[in-house]
Protein backbone atom coordinates (compact mmCIF):
# COMPACT_ATOMS: atom_id res chain seq x y z
CA ILE A 1 13.54 -1.10 -3.87
CA VAL A 2 16.52 -3.29 -2.89
CA LEU A 3 15.02 -6.57 -4.62
CA MET A 4 14.62 -4.52 -7.84
CA TYR A 5 18.22 -3.36 -7.76
CA ILE A 6 19.34 -6.56 -7.25
CA ILE A 7 16.92 -7.62 -10.17
CA ILE A 8 18.07 -4.77 -12.65
CA SER A 9 21.74 -5.21 -11.32
CA LEU A 10 22.19 -1.58 -10.11
CA ASN A 11 24.34 -1.52 -6.98
CA PRO A 12 23.65 2.21 -5.44
CA VAL A 13 26.62 2.10 -3.14
CA ASP A 14 28.81 1.85 -6.45
CA TYR A 15 26.97 4.46 -8.42
CA VAL A 16 28.93 7.62 -8.82
CA GLU A 17 28.07 10.13 -11.73
CA GLY A 18 29.22 8.68 -14.71
CA ALA A 19 31.00 5.85 -13.21
CA VAL A 20 28.11 3.23 -13.82
CA GLN A 21 26.49 3.24 -17.34
CA ILE A 22 22.51 3.31 -17.01
CA THR A 23 21.40 1.18 -19.97
CA PRO A 24 17.97 1.54 -21.73
CA LEU A 25 17.12 -1.71 -19.80
CA ILE A 26 18.34 -0.15 -16.53
CA GLN A 27 16.40 2.90 -17.38
CA LYS A 28 13.33 0.92 -18.27
CA SER A 29 13.53 -1.11 -15.02
CA MET A 30 13.71 1.81 -12.73
CA PHE A 31 10.92 3.51 -14.58
CA SER A 32 8.60 0.36 -13.53
CA LEU A 33 10.28 0.58 -10.11
CA VAL A 34 8.79 3.91 -9.39
CA THR A 35 5.63 4.21 -11.40
CA LEU A 36 4.31 0.97 -12.85
CA LEU A 37 4.80 -1.16 -9.68
CA PRO A 38 3.52 1.25 -7.30
CA ALA A 39 0.50 1.84 -9.51
CA ALA A 40 -0.20 -1.92 -9.68
CA GLY A 41 0.10 -1.84 -5.89
CA MET A 42 -2.64 0.74 -5.59
CA LEU A 43 -4.79 -1.36 -8.26
CA LEU A 44 -4.30 -4.29 -6.28
CA SER A 45 -5.23 -2.36 -2.84
CA VAL A 46 -8.61 -1.70 -4.18
CA ILE A 47 -9.89 -5.35 -4.31
CA PRO A 48 -10.69 -5.54 -0.50
CA ILE A 49 -12.93 -2.42 -0.87
CA PHE A 50 -15.38 -4.13 -3.14
CA PHE A 51 -15.74 -7.07 -0.44
CA TYR A 52 -16.31 -4.32 2.03
CA ASP A 53 -20.21 -4.63 3.04
CA LEU A 54 -20.41 -2.41 5.75
CA ILE A 55 -23.64 -0.77 4.69
CA GLY A 56 -27.11 -0.45 5.62
CA GLU A 57 -28.65 -2.43 8.58
CA LYS A 58 -25.26 -3.88 9.21
CA LYS A 59 -23.70 -0.83 9.38
CA GLU A 60 -26.38 0.55 12.11
CA LYS A 61 -25.93 -2.54 13.90
CA VAL A 62 -22.08 -2.28 14.13
CA THR A 63 -22.45 1.39 15.24
CA ARG A 64 -25.09 0.83 17.82
CA GLU A 65 -22.82 -1.83 19.32
CA LEU A 66 -19.86 0.18 19.63
CA PHE A 67 -21.77 3.03 20.88
CA GLU A 68 -22.66 0.65 23.68
CA ARG A 69 -19.35 -0.78 24.26
CA ARG A 70 -17.99 2.67 24.51
CA HIS A 71 -20.67 3.86 27.26
CA HIS A 72 -20.13 0.61 29.44
CA ALA A 73 -16.35 0.57 29.27
CA ASN A 74 -16.62 4.33 30.34
CA GLY A 75 -19.20 3.41 33.27
CA GLU A 76 -21.73 5.37 31.87
CA ILE A 77 -25.32 4.53 32.40
CA GLU A 78 -28.04 4.97 29.64
């Protein structure tokens, strides 16, 4: 957010109602700050999900190994 304020040349410390004129450029920039950039970030965060291949036999193997580690760590004998 601080970087966006710098990019759009808006200093929130100096902003007092009516003291700083909010231009259409600043309005559009602030709109992108609170809507478009977070939306783009959310879309980018989906990308790793497509490469998450923990299904089928691999999932069962990992689950079994975790179960065994937990029981060995707790001193339980099967």
